PDB file of N, CA and C in Angstrom:
ATOM      1  N   MET A   1     164.953 178.066 151.636  1.00  0.00           N
ATOM      2  CA  MET A   1     163.575 177.607 151.573  1.00  0.00           C
ATOM      3  C   MET A   1     163.272 176.806 152.835  1.00  0.00           C
ATOM      4  N   LYS A   2     162.190 177.149 153.509  1.00  0.00           N
ATOM      5  CA  LYS A   2     161.779 176.464 154.734  1.00  0.00           C
ATOM      6  C   LYS A   2     161.113 175.136 154.390  1.00  0.00           C
ATOM      7  N   ARG A   3     161.427 174.127 155.207  1.00  0.00           N
ATOM      8  CA  ARG A   3     160.905 172.782 154.991  1.00  0.00           C
ATOM      9  C   ARG A   3     159.820 172.476 156.014  1.00  0.00           C
ATOM     10  N   ILE A   4     158.661 172.006 155.531  1.00  0.00           N
ATOM     11  CA  ILE A   4     157.526 171.698 156.394  1.00  0.00           C
ATOM     12  C   ILE A   4     157.109 170.244 156.186  1.00  0.00           C
ATOM     13  N   LEU A   5     156.950 169.528 157.295  1.00  0.00           N
ATOM     14  CA  LEU A   5     156.440 168.159 157.272  1.00  0.00           C
ATOM     15  C   LEU A   5     154.979 168.201 157.693  1.00  0.00           C
ATOM     16  N   ILE A   6     154.121 167.590 156.893  1.00  0.00           N
ATOM     17  CA  ILE A   6     152.680 167.544 157.153  1.00  0.00           C
ATOM     18  C   ILE A   6     152.279 166.094 157.401  1.00  0.00           C
ATOM     19  N   ALA A   7     151.637 165.841 158.544  1.00  0.00           N
ATOM     20  CA  ALA A   7     151.198 164.486 158.891  1.00  0.00           C
ATOM     21  C   ALA A   7     149.686 164.473 159.065  1.00  0.00           C
ATOM     22  N   ASP A   8     149.016 163.720 158.222  1.00  0.00           N
ATOM     23  CA  ASP A   8     147.563 163.548 158.342  1.00  0.00           C
ATOM     24  C   ASP A   8     147.205 162.239 157.665  1.00  0.00           C
ATOM     25  N   ASP A   9     146.350 161.450 158.302  1.00  0.00           N
ATOM     26  CA  ASP A   9     145.996 160.149 157.738  1.00  0.00           C
ATOM     27  C   ASP A   9     144.971 160.246 156.621  1.00  0.00           C
ATOM     28  N   GLN A  10     144.379 161.421 156.417  1.00  0.00           N
ATOM     29  CA  GLN A  10     143.384 161.589 155.352  1.00  0.00           C
ATOM     30  C   GLN A  10     144.032 162.271 154.141  1.00  0.00           C
ATOM     31  N   LEU A  11     143.979 161.591 153.008  1.00  0.00           N
ATOM     32  CA  LEU A  11     144.562 162.119 151.778  1.00  0.00           C
ATOM     33  C   LEU A  11     143.999 163.491 151.428  1.00  0.00           C
ATOM     34  N   VAL A  12     142.700 163.671 151.597  1.00  0.00           N
ATOM     35  CA  VAL A  12     142.077 164.954 151.260  1.00  0.00           C
ATOM     36  C   VAL A  12     142.681 166.083 152.099  1.00  0.00           C
ATOM     37  N   MET A  13     142.990 165.817 153.349  1.00  0.00           N
ATOM     38  CA  MET A  13     143.592 166.839 154.216  1.00  0.00           C
ATOM     39  C   MET A  13     145.041 167.113 153.812  1.00  0.00           C
ATOM     40  N   ARG A  14     145.798 166.064 153.500  1.00  0.00           N
ATOM     41  CA  ARG A  14     147.183 166.280 153.048  1.00  0.00           C
ATOM     42  C   ARG A  14     147.181 167.129 151.792  1.00  0.00           C
ATOM     43  N   ASN A  15     146.273 166.826 150.870  1.00  0.00           N
ATOM     44  CA  ASN A  15     146.186 167.604 149.633  1.00  0.00           C
ATOM     45  C   ASN A  15     145.743 169.044 149.897  1.00  0.00           C
ATOM     46  N   MET A  16     144.861 169.248 150.869  1.00  0.00           N
ATOM     47  CA  MET A  16     144.418 170.594 151.209  1.00  0.00           C
ATOM     48  C   MET A  16     145.590 171.416 151.764  1.00  0.00           C
ATOM     49  N   PHE A  17     146.349 170.835 152.692  1.00  0.00           N
ATOM     50  CA  PHE A  17     147.526 171.533 153.217  1.00  0.00           C
ATOM     51  C   PHE A  17     148.512 171.849 152.095  1.00  0.00           C
ATOM     52  N   LYS A  18     148.710 170.869 151.236  1.00  0.00           N
ATOM     53  CA  LYS A  18     149.641 171.046 150.115  1.00  0.00           C
ATOM     54  C   LYS A  18     149.186 172.198 149.218  1.00  0.00           C
ATOM     55  N   SER A  19     147.892 172.273 148.916  1.00  0.00           N
ATOM     56  CA  SER A  19     147.412 173.339 148.029  1.00  0.00           C
ATOM     57  C   SER A  19     147.499 174.708 148.705  1.00  0.00           C
ATOM     58  N   ILE A  20     147.257 174.770 150.017  1.00  0.00           N
ATOM     59  CA  ILE A  20     147.360 176.049 150.730  1.00  0.00           C
ATOM     60  C   ILE A  20     148.806 176.531 150.769  1.00  0.00           C
ATOM     61  N   LEU A  21     149.741 175.615 151.001  1.00  0.00           N
ATOM     62  CA  LEU A  21     151.136 176.005 151.198  1.00  0.00           C
ATOM     63  C   LEU A  21     151.955 176.029 149.912  1.00  0.00           C
ATOM     64  N   ALA A  22     151.425 175.451 148.832  1.00  0.00           N
ATOM     65  CA  ALA A  22     152.142 175.450 147.550  1.00  0.00           C
ATOM     66  C   ALA A  22     152.299 176.886 147.054  1.00  0.00           C
ATOM     67  N   GLY A  23     153.409 177.167 146.435  1.00  0.00           N
ATOM     68  CA  GLY A  23     153.650 178.495 145.888  1.00  0.00           C
ATOM     69  C   GLY A  23     154.048 179.521 146.935  1.00  0.00           C
ATOM     70  N   GLN A  24     154.294 179.076 148.159  1.00  0.00           N
ATOM     71  CA  GLN A  24     154.684 179.983 149.241  1.00  0.00           C
ATOM     72  C   GLN A  24     156.159 179.864 149.592  1.00  0.00           C
ATOM     73  N   ASN A  25     156.930 179.255 148.708  1.00  0.00           N
ATOM     74  CA  ASN A  25     158.364 179.077 148.907  1.00  0.00           C
ATOM     75  C   ASN A  25     158.677 178.144 150.088  1.00  0.00           C
ATOM     76  N   PHE A  26     157.856 177.101 150.241  1.00  0.00           N
ATOM     77  CA  PHE A  26     158.094 176.066 151.230  1.00  0.00           C
ATOM     78  C   PHE A  26     158.371 174.759 150.506  1.00  0.00           C
ATOM     79  N   GLU A  27     159.253 173.956 151.063  1.00  0.00           N
ATOM     80  CA  GLU A  27     159.444 172.592 150.584  1.00  0.00           C
ATOM     81  C   GLU A  27     158.601 171.702 151.492  1.00  0.00           C
ATOM     82  N   LEU A  28     157.692 170.939 150.915  1.00  0.00           N
ATOM     83  CA  LEU A  28     156.740 170.145 151.679  1.00  0.00           C
ATOM     84  C   LEU A  28     157.033 168.654 151.592  1.00  0.00           C
ATOM     85  N   ALA A  29     156.837 167.962 152.714  1.00  0.00           N
ATOM     86  CA  ALA A  29     156.880 166.504 152.751  1.00  0.00           C
ATOM     87  C   ALA A  29     155.590 166.052 153.420  1.00  0.00           C
ATOM     88  N   LEU A  30     155.019 164.963 152.927  1.00  0.00           N
ATOM     89  CA  LEU A  30     153.732 164.484 153.427  1.00  0.00           C
ATOM     90  C   LEU A  30     153.887 163.108 154.061  1.00  0.00           C
ATOM     91  N   ALA A  31     153.263 162.939 155.237  1.00  0.00           N
ATOM     92  CA  ALA A  31     153.297 161.663 155.950  1.00  0.00           C
ATOM     93  C   ALA A  31     151.870 161.168 156.160  1.00  0.00           C
ATOM     94  N   VAL A  32     151.679 159.850 156.090  1.00  0.00           N
ATOM     95  CA  VAL A  32     150.340 159.263 156.164  1.00  0.00           C
ATOM     96  C   VAL A  32     149.857 159.005 157.594  1.00  0.00           C
ATOM     97  N   ASP A  33     150.744 159.075 158.572  1.00  0.00           N
ATOM     98  CA  ASP A  33     150.380 158.923 159.978  1.00  0.00           C
ATOM     99  C   ASP A  33     151.558 159.375 160.842  1.00  0.00           C
ATOM    100  N   GLY A  34     151.389 159.282 162.149  1.00  0.00           N
ATOM    101  CA  GLY A  34     152.431 159.750 163.050  1.00  0.00           C
ATOM    102  C   GLY A  34     153.723 158.965 162.962  1.00  0.00           C
ATOM    103  N   LYS A  35     153.617 157.660 162.806  1.00  0.00           N
ATOM    104  CA  LYS A  35     154.813 156.819 162.699  1.00  0.00           C
ATOM    105  C   LYS A  35     155.589 157.172 161.434  1.00  0.00           C
ATOM    106  N   ASP A  36     154.883 157.330 160.326  1.00  0.00           N
ATOM    107  CA  ASP A  36     155.507 157.725 159.067  1.00  0.00           C
ATOM    108  C   ASP A  36     156.170 159.102 159.220  1.00  0.00           C
ATOM    109  N   ALA A  37     155.478 160.017 159.872  1.00  0.00           N
ATOM    110  CA  ALA A  37     156.022 161.365 160.088  1.00  0.00           C
ATOM    111  C   ALA A  37     157.289 161.308 160.928  1.00  0.00           C
ATOM    112  N   TYR A  38     157.285 160.510 161.971  1.00  0.00           N
ATOM    113  CA  TYR A  38     158.471 160.393 162.823  1.00  0.00           C
ATOM    114  C   TYR A  38     159.657 159.850 162.024  1.00  0.00           C
ATOM    115  N   ASN A  39     159.400 158.824 161.218  1.00  0.00           N
ATOM    116  CA  ASN A  39     160.474 158.252 160.406  1.00  0.00           C
ATOM    117  C   ASN A  39     161.033 159.274 159.416  1.00  0.00           C
ATOM    118  N   ILE A  40     160.158 160.034 158.789  1.00  0.00           N
ATOM    119  CA  ILE A  40     160.596 161.066 157.847  1.00  0.00           C
ATOM    120  C   ILE A  40     161.359 162.162 158.592  1.00  0.00           C
ATOM    121  N   ALA A  41     160.837 162.571 159.752  1.00  0.00           N
ATOM    122  CA  ALA A  41     161.448 163.660 160.522  1.00  0.00           C
ATOM    123  C   ALA A  41     162.814 163.299 161.089  1.00  0.00           C
ATOM    124  N   THR A  42     163.049 162.015 161.320  1.00  0.00           N
ATOM    125  CA  THR A  42     164.355 161.615 161.838  1.00  0.00           C
ATOM    126  C   THR A  42     165.358 161.388 160.717  1.00  0.00           C
ATOM    127  N   ALA A  43     164.881 161.218 159.502  1.00  0.00           N
ATOM    128  CA  ALA A  43     165.774 161.054 158.350  1.00  0.00           C
ATOM    129  C   ALA A  43     166.233 162.410 157.808  1.00  0.00           C
ATOM    130  N   THR A  44     165.391 163.416 157.929  1.00  0.00           N
ATOM    131  CA  THR A  44     165.662 164.767 157.441  1.00  0.00           C
ATOM    132  C   THR A  44     165.047 165.760 158.418  1.00  0.00           C
ATOM    133  N   THR A  45     165.760 166.812 158.741  1.00  0.00           N
ATOM    134  CA  THR A  45     165.231 167.808 159.676  1.00  0.00           C
ATOM    135  C   THR A  45     164.350 168.816 158.946  1.00  0.00           C
ATOM    136  N   PHE A  46     163.240 169.161 159.581  1.00  0.00           N
ATOM    137  CA  PHE A  46     162.295 170.131 159.025  1.00  0.00           C
ATOM    138  C   PHE A  46     162.273 171.381 159.898  1.00  0.00           C
ATOM    139  N   ASP A  47     161.860 172.485 159.293  1.00  0.00           N
ATOM    140  CA  ASP A  47     161.755 173.750 160.017  1.00  0.00           C
ATOM    141  C   ASP A  47     160.445 173.838 160.790  1.00  0.00           C
ATOM    142  N   MET A  48     159.458 173.037 160.377  1.00  0.00           N
ATOM    143  CA  MET A  48     158.149 173.048 161.023  1.00  0.00           C
ATOM    144  C   MET A  48     157.452 171.718 160.762  1.00  0.00           C
ATOM    145  N   VAL A  49     156.621 171.298 161.735  1.00  0.00           N
ATOM    146  CA  VAL A  49     155.795 170.110 161.569  1.00  0.00           C
ATOM    147  C   VAL A  49     154.348 170.516 161.808  1.00  0.00           C
ATOM    148  N   ILE A  50     153.475 170.113 160.900  1.00  0.00           N
ATOM    149  CA  ILE A  50     152.035 170.296 161.040  1.00  0.00           C
ATOM    150  C   ILE A  50     151.441 168.899 161.121  1.00  0.00           C
ATOM    151  N   THR A  51     150.708 168.620 162.198  1.00  0.00           N
ATOM    152  CA  THR A  51     150.188 167.274 162.387  1.00  0.00           C
ATOM    153  C   THR A  51     148.723 167.264 162.788  1.00  0.00           C
ATOM    154  N   ASP A  52     148.030 166.264 162.310  1.00  0.00           N
ATOM    155  CA  ASP A  52     146.672 165.972 162.753  1.00  0.00           C
ATOM    156  C   ASP A  52     146.780 165.373 164.156  1.00  0.00           C
ATOM    157  N   LEU A  53     145.703 165.385 164.891  1.00  0.00           N
ATOM    158  CA  LEU A  53     145.698 164.778 166.221  1.00  0.00           C
ATOM    159  C   LEU A  53     145.421 163.281 166.139  1.00  0.00           C
ATOM    160  N   TYR A  54     144.305 162.928 165.547  1.00  0.00           N
ATOM    161  CA  TYR A  54     143.879 161.529 165.527  1.00  0.00           C
ATOM    162  C   TYR A  54     144.377 160.833 164.264  1.00  0.00           C
ATOM    163  N   MET A  55     145.381 159.952 164.455  1.00  0.00           N
ATOM    164  CA  MET A  55     145.951 159.183 163.348  1.00  0.00           C
ATOM    165  C   MET A  55     146.280 157.783 163.859  1.00  0.00           C
ATOM    166  N   PRO A  56     146.274 156.798 162.965  1.00  0.00           N
ATOM    167  CA  PRO A  56     146.709 155.455 163.371  1.00  0.00           C
ATOM    168  C   PRO A  56     148.222 155.425 163.584  1.00  0.00           C
ATOM    169  N   GLN A  57     148.690 154.384 164.189  1.00  0.00           N
ATOM    170  CA  GLN A  57     150.111 154.135 164.451  1.00  0.00           C
ATOM    171  C   GLN A  57     150.656 155.007 165.584  1.00  0.00           C
ATOM    172  N   MET A  58     150.472 156.331 165.469  1.00  0.00           N
ATOM    173  CA  MET A  58     150.947 157.273 166.477  1.00  0.00           C
ATOM    174  C   MET A  58     150.149 158.558 166.287  1.00  0.00           C
ATOM    175  N   ASP A  59     149.518 159.050 167.352  1.00  0.00           N
ATOM    176  CA  ASP A  59     148.713 160.264 167.190  1.00  0.00           C
ATOM    177  C   ASP A  59     149.591 161.518 167.240  1.00  0.00           C
ATOM    178  N   GLY A  60     148.980 162.650 167.028  1.00  0.00           N
ATOM    179  CA  GLY A  60     149.732 163.904 166.950  1.00  0.00           C
ATOM    180  C   GLY A  60     150.402 164.300 168.249  1.00  0.00           C
ATOM    181  N   ILE A  61     149.796 163.976 169.377  1.00  0.00           N
ATOM    182  CA  ILE A  61     150.424 164.293 170.664  1.00  0.00           C
ATOM    183  C   ILE A  61     151.627 163.390 170.903  1.00  0.00           C
ATOM    184  N   GLN A  62     151.497 162.109 170.592  1.00  0.00           N
ATOM    185  CA  GLN A  62     152.637 161.199 170.721  1.00  0.00           C
ATOM    186  C   GLN A  62     153.764 161.623 169.789  1.00  0.00           C
ATOM    187  N   LEU A  63     153.417 162.004 168.563  1.00  0.00           N
ATOM    188  CA  LEU A  63     154.421 162.470 167.613  1.00  0.00           C
ATOM    189  C   LEU A  63     155.132 163.708 168.158  1.00  0.00           C
ATOM    190  N   THR A  64     154.370 164.638 168.683  1.00  0.00           N
ATOM    191  CA  THR A  64     154.954 165.854 169.234  1.00  0.00           C
ATOM    192  C   THR A  64     155.932 165.524 170.364  1.00  0.00           C
ATOM    193  N   GLU A  65     155.524 164.654 171.276  1.00  0.00           N
ATOM    194  CA  GLU A  65     156.405 164.251 172.387  1.00  0.00           C
ATOM    195  C   GLU A  65     157.700 163.627 171.877  1.00  0.00           C
ATOM    196  N   LYS A  66     157.566 162.730 170.912  1.00  0.00           N
ATOM    197  CA  LYS A  66     158.760 162.054 170.376  1.00  0.00           C
ATOM    198  C   LYS A  66     159.685 163.032 169.658  1.00  0.00           C
ATOM    199  N   LEU A  67     159.096 163.956 168.896  1.00  0.00           N
ATOM    200  CA  LEU A  67     159.936 164.939 168.198  1.00  0.00           C
ATOM    201  C   LEU A  67     160.619 165.872 169.187  1.00  0.00           C
ATOM    202  N   ARG A  68     159.916 166.282 170.216  1.00  0.00           N
ATOM    203  CA  ARG A  68     160.495 167.181 171.222  1.00  0.00           C
ATOM    204  C   ARG A  68     161.638 166.523 171.992  1.00  0.00           C
ATOM    205  N   SER A  69     161.691 165.198 171.997  1.00  0.00           N
ATOM    206  CA  SER A  69     162.794 164.499 172.669  1.00  0.00           C
ATOM    207  C   SER A  69     164.078 164.518 171.837  1.00  0.00           C
ATOM    208  N   LEU A  70     163.960 164.938 170.586  1.00  0.00           N
ATOM    209  CA  LEU A  70     165.114 165.006 169.690  1.00  0.00           C
ATOM    210  C   LEU A  70     165.705 166.411 169.689  1.00  0.00           C
ATOM    211  N   GLN A  71     167.008 166.506 169.738  1.00  0.00           N
ATOM    212  CA  GLN A  71     167.682 167.803 169.731  1.00  0.00           C
ATOM    213  C   GLN A  71     167.278 168.650 168.518  1.00  0.00           C
ATOM    214  N   ALA A  72     167.127 168.029 167.375  1.00  0.00           N
ATOM    215  CA  ALA A  72     166.830 168.756 166.128  1.00  0.00           C
ATOM    216  C   ALA A  72     165.476 169.462 166.165  1.00  0.00           C
ATOM    217  N   TYR A  73     164.564 169.032 167.044  1.00  0.00           N
ATOM    218  CA  TYR A  73     163.218 169.616 167.081  1.00  0.00           C
ATOM    219  C   TYR A  73     162.928 170.373 168.382  1.00  0.00           C
ATOM    220  N   GLN A  74     163.962 170.689 169.141  1.00  0.00           N
ATOM    221  CA  GLN A  74     163.772 171.414 170.397  1.00  0.00           C
ATOM    222  C   GLN A  74     163.120 172.776 170.180  1.00  0.00           C
ATOM    223  N   GLY A  75     163.556 173.518 169.195  1.00  0.00           N
ATOM    224  CA  GLY A  75     163.033 174.864 168.997  1.00  0.00           C
ATOM    225  C   GLY A  75     162.165 175.035 167.766  1.00  0.00           C
ATOM    226  N   LYS A  76     161.843 173.947 167.110  1.00  0.00           N
ATOM    227  CA  LYS A  76     161.066 174.023 165.872  1.00  0.00           C
ATOM    228  C   LYS A  76     159.568 174.066 166.179  1.00  0.00           C
ATOM    229  N   PRO A  77     158.803 174.865 165.436  1.00  0.00           N
ATOM    230  CA  PRO A  77     157.357 174.902 165.673  1.00  0.00           C
ATOM    231  C   PRO A  77     156.669 173.602 165.258  1.00  0.00           C
ATOM    232  N   ILE A  78     155.783 173.146 166.126  1.00  0.00           N
ATOM    233  CA  ILE A  78     154.938 171.985 165.845  1.00  0.00           C
ATOM    234  C   ILE A  78     153.499 172.448 166.045  1.00  0.00           C
ATOM    235  N   LEU A  79     152.720 172.362 164.981  1.00  0.00           N
ATOM    236  CA  LEU A  79     151.354 172.849 164.974  1.00  0.00           C
ATOM    237  C   LEU A  79     150.405 171.666 164.847  1.00  0.00           C
ATOM    238  N   ILE A  80     149.465 171.537 165.782  1.00  0.00           N
ATOM    239  CA  ILE A  80     148.444 170.497 165.702  1.00  0.00           C
ATOM    240  C   ILE A  80     147.200 171.111 165.076  1.00  0.00           C
ATOM    241  N   VAL A  81     146.696 170.443 164.035  1.00  0.00           N
ATOM    242  CA  VAL A  81     145.482 170.884 163.346  1.00  0.00           C
ATOM    243  C   VAL A  81     144.498 169.727 163.441  1.00  0.00           C
ATOM    244  N   SER A  82     143.355 169.953 164.114  1.00  0.00           N
ATOM    245  CA  SER A  82     142.439 168.855 164.403  1.00  0.00           C
ATOM    246  C   SER A  82     140.998 169.328 164.480  1.00  0.00           C
ATOM    247  N   THR A  83     140.073 168.407 164.290  1.00  0.00           N
ATOM    248  CA  THR A  83     138.663 168.706 164.522  1.00  0.00           C
ATOM    249  C   THR A  83     138.396 168.837 166.016  1.00  0.00           C
ATOM    250  N   GLU A  84     139.289 168.328 166.822  1.00  0.00           N
ATOM    251  CA  GLU A  84     139.170 168.373 168.280  1.00  0.00           C
ATOM    252  C   GLU A  84     139.503 169.775 168.788  1.00  0.00           C
ATOM    253  N   GLY A  85     138.588 170.345 169.547  1.00  0.00           N
ATOM    254  CA  GLY A  85     138.825 171.684 170.075  1.00  0.00           C
ATOM    255  C   GLY A  85     138.700 171.770 171.581  1.00  0.00           C
ATOM    256  N   ALA A  86     138.592 170.621 172.249  1.00  0.00           N
ATOM    257  CA  ALA A  86     138.412 170.604 173.705  1.00  0.00           C
ATOM    258  C   ALA A  86     139.630 171.178 174.419  1.00  0.00           C
ATOM    259  N   VAL A  87     139.375 171.957 175.432  1.00  0.00           N
ATOM    260  CA  VAL A  87     140.438 172.598 176.209  1.00  0.00           C
ATOM    261  C   VAL A  87     141.401 171.556 176.766  1.00  0.00           C
ATOM    262  N   LYS A  88     140.872 170.429 177.246  1.00  0.00           N
ATOM    263  CA  LYS A  88     141.716 169.378 177.826  1.00  0.00           C
ATOM    264  C   LYS A  88     142.706 168.829 176.793  1.00  0.00           C
ATOM    265  N   LYS A  89     142.226 168.578 175.571  1.00  0.00           N
ATOM    266  CA  LYS A  89     143.117 168.056 174.520  1.00  0.00           C
ATOM    267  C   LYS A  89     144.164 169.093 174.141  1.00  0.00           C
ATOM    268  N   LYS A  90     143.749 170.349 174.034  1.00  0.00           N
ATOM    269  CA  LYS A  90     144.710 171.414 173.715  1.00  0.00           C
ATOM    270  C   LYS A  90     145.788 171.501 174.795  1.00  0.00           C
ATOM    271  N   ALA A  91     145.383 171.332 176.050  1.00  0.00           N
ATOM    272  CA  ALA A  91     146.345 171.354 177.159  1.00  0.00           C
ATOM    273  C   ALA A  91     147.314 170.173 177.047  1.00  0.00           C
ATOM    274  N   GLU A  92     146.808 169.015 176.643  1.00  0.00           N
ATOM    275  CA  GLU A  92     147.678 167.849 176.427  1.00  0.00           C
ATOM    276  C   GLU A  92     148.690 168.144 175.324  1.00  0.00           C
ATOM    277  N   GLY A  93     148.213 168.772 174.250  1.00  0.00           N
ATOM    278  CA  GLY A  93     149.109 169.134 173.157  1.00  0.00           C
ATOM    279  C   GLY A  93     150.185 170.107 173.607  1.00  0.00           C
ATOM    280  N   LYS A  94     149.796 171.095 174.372  1.00  0.00           N
ATOM    281  CA  LYS A  94     150.762 172.081 174.880  1.00  0.00           C
ATOM    282  C   LYS A  94     151.777 171.414 175.797  1.00  0.00           C
ATOM    283  N   ALA A  95     151.297 170.533 176.673  1.00  0.00           N
ATOM    284  CA  ALA A  95     152.189 169.819 177.587  1.00  0.00           C
ATOM    285  C   ALA A  95     153.179 168.930 176.824  1.00  0.00           C
ATOM    286  N   ALA A  96     152.743 168.416 175.675  1.00  0.00           N
ATOM    287  CA  ALA A  96     153.610 167.574 174.856  1.00  0.00           C
ATOM    288  C   ALA A  96     154.651 168.393 174.101  1.00  0.00           C
ATOM    289  N   GLY A  97     154.400 169.709 174.001  1.00  0.00           N
ATOM    290  CA  GLY A  97     155.354 170.577 173.317  1.00  0.00           C
ATOM    291  C   GLY A  97     154.839 171.230 172.059  1.00  0.00           C
ATOM    292  N   ALA A  98     153.538 171.112 171.794  1.00  0.00           N
ATOM    293  CA  ALA A  98     152.977 171.759 170.592  1.00  0.00           C
ATOM    294  C   ALA A  98     153.092 173.276 170.731  1.00  0.00           C
ATOM    295  N   THR A  99     153.457 173.914 169.642  1.00  0.00           N
ATOM    296  CA  THR A  99     153.586 175.365 169.602  1.00  0.00           C
ATOM    297  C   THR A  99     152.226 176.028 169.482  1.00  0.00           C
ATOM    298  N   GLY A 100     151.312 175.361 168.746  1.00  0.00           N
ATOM    299  CA  GLY A 100     149.991 175.926 168.536  1.00  0.00           C
ATOM    300  C   GLY A 100     148.994 174.862 168.145  1.00  0.00           C
ATOM    301  N   TRP A 101     147.716 175.279 168.056  1.00  0.00           N
ATOM    302  CA  TRP A 101     146.613 174.366 167.765  1.00  0.00           C
ATOM    303  C   TRP A 101     145.592 175.113 166.927  1.00  0.00           C
ATOM    304  N   ILE A 102     145.217 174.549 165.803  1.00  0.00           N
ATOM    305  CA  ILE A 102     144.176 175.126 164.953  1.00  0.00           C
ATOM    306  C   ILE A 102     143.072 174.084 164.806  1.00  0.00           C
ATOM    307  N   VAL A 103     141.823 174.529 164.971  1.00  0.00           N
ATOM    308  CA  VAL A 103     140.682 173.626 164.842  1.00  0.00           C
ATOM    309  C   VAL A 103     140.231 173.595 163.380  1.00  0.00           C
ATOM    310  N   LYS A 104     140.063 172.360 162.855  1.00  0.00           N
ATOM    311  CA  LYS A 104     139.557 172.169 161.494  1.00  0.00           C
ATOM    312  C   LYS A 104     138.073 172.485 161.473  1.00  0.00           C
ATOM    313  N   PRO A 105     137.500 172.875 160.368  1.00  0.00           N
ATOM    314  CA  PRO A 105     138.169 173.030 159.078  1.00  0.00           C
ATOM    315  C   PRO A 105     139.066 174.265 159.076  1.00  0.00           C
ATOM    316  N   VAL A 106     140.133 174.178 158.317  1.00  0.00           N
ATOM    317  CA  VAL A 106     141.107 175.260 158.265  1.00  0.00           C
ATOM    318  C   VAL A 106     141.141 175.838 156.855  1.00  0.00           C
ATOM    319  N   SER A 107     141.329 177.122 156.768  1.00  0.00           N
ATOM    320  CA  SER A 107     141.400 177.784 155.470  1.00  0.00           C
ATOM    321  C   SER A 107     142.772 178.438 155.320  1.00  0.00           C
ATOM    322  N   SER A 108     143.068 178.857 154.118  1.00  0.00           N
ATOM    323  CA  SER A 108     144.342 179.538 153.871  1.00  0.00           C
ATOM    324  C   SER A 108     144.419 180.844 154.652  1.00  0.00           C
ATOM    325  N   ASP A 109     143.277 181.497 154.882  1.00  0.00           N
ATOM    326  CA  ASP A 109     143.253 182.753 155.644  1.00  0.00           C
ATOM    327  C   ASP A 109     143.688 182.551 157.088  1.00  0.00           C
ATOM    328  N   VAL A 110     143.502 181.339 157.608  1.00  0.00           N
ATOM    329  CA  VAL A 110     143.901 181.036 158.980  1.00  0.00           C
ATOM    330  C   VAL A 110     145.298 180.417 159.005  1.00  0.00           C
ATOM    331  N   LEU A 111     145.525 179.403 158.166  1.00  0.00           N
ATOM    332  CA  LEU A 111     146.766 178.641 158.218  1.00  0.00           C
ATOM    333  C   LEU A 111     147.993 179.444 157.785  1.00  0.00           C
ATOM    334  N   LEU A 112     147.918 180.122 156.662  1.00  0.00           N
ATOM    335  CA  LEU A 112     149.097 180.826 156.147  1.00  0.00           C
ATOM    336  C   LEU A 112     149.678 181.856 157.109  1.00  0.00           C
ATOM    337  N   PRO A 113     148.873 182.734 157.698  1.00  0.00           N
ATOM    338  CA  PRO A 113     149.461 183.693 158.637  1.00  0.00           C
ATOM    339  C   PRO A 113     150.133 183.026 159.843  1.00  0.00           C
ATOM    340  N   VAL A 114     149.545 181.937 160.337  1.00  0.00           N
ATOM    341  CA  VAL A 114     150.130 181.232 161.475  1.00  0.00           C
ATOM    342  C   VAL A 114     151.461 180.610 161.084  1.00  0.00           C
ATOM    343  N   VAL A 115     151.489 179.926 159.936  1.00  0.00           N
ATOM    344  CA  VAL A 115     152.723 179.290 159.467  1.00  0.00           C
ATOM    345  C   VAL A 115     153.810 180.343 159.259  1.00  0.00           C
ATOM    346  N   LYS A 116     153.487 181.424 158.600  1.00  0.00           N
ATOM    347  CA  LYS A 116     154.475 182.485 158.341  1.00  0.00           C
ATOM    348  C   LYS A 116     154.982 183.112 159.641  1.00  0.00           C
ATOM    349  N   LYS A 117     154.094 183.311 160.589  1.00  0.00           N
ATOM    350  CA  LYS A 117     154.504 183.882 161.882  1.00  0.00           C
ATOM    351  C   LYS A 117     155.442 182.921 162.617  1.00  0.00           C
ATOM    352  N   LEU A 118     155.076 181.640 162.660  1.00  0.00           N
ATOM    353  CA  LEU A 118     155.884 180.672 163.394  1.00  0.00           C
ATOM    354  C   LEU A 118     157.249 180.436 162.749  1.00  0.00           C
ATOM    355  N   LEU A 119     157.311 180.573 161.436  1.00  0.00           N
ATOM    356  CA  LEU A 119     158.589 180.378 160.743  1.00  0.00           C
ATOM    357  C   LEU A 119     159.420 181.657 160.674  1.00  0.00           C
ATOM    358  N   GLY A 120     158.816 182.757 161.116  1.00  0.00           N
ATOM    359  CA  GLY A 120     159.547 184.032 161.154  1.00  0.00           C
ATOM    360  C   GLY A 120     159.778 184.560 159.790  1.00  0.00           C
TER     361      GLY A 120
END
């Protein structure tokens, strides 16, 4: 079973990701911000990380950079999902090591195929 860590500071978004990915044979962990996600990710290794961009404590780009500095997350997909769609921000995410970027609002028709493709 593939393990996915979801980081978003909005409860409604965490619940939305959870409902989309539930029943898909994934083990899910939820983090309330980037710092929480980093702490969870360093305690247990995940097969994929899905993160919001704008969060308190540590944003999604900072989280991506920190995770990419760890051996355990060198080849793991990190997906940023954000209301932000500016080319400059997407380039920052890519430079930090993000595997992909999806602009919110996100639906199961968009998220599930991307997650399944990235997890192989």
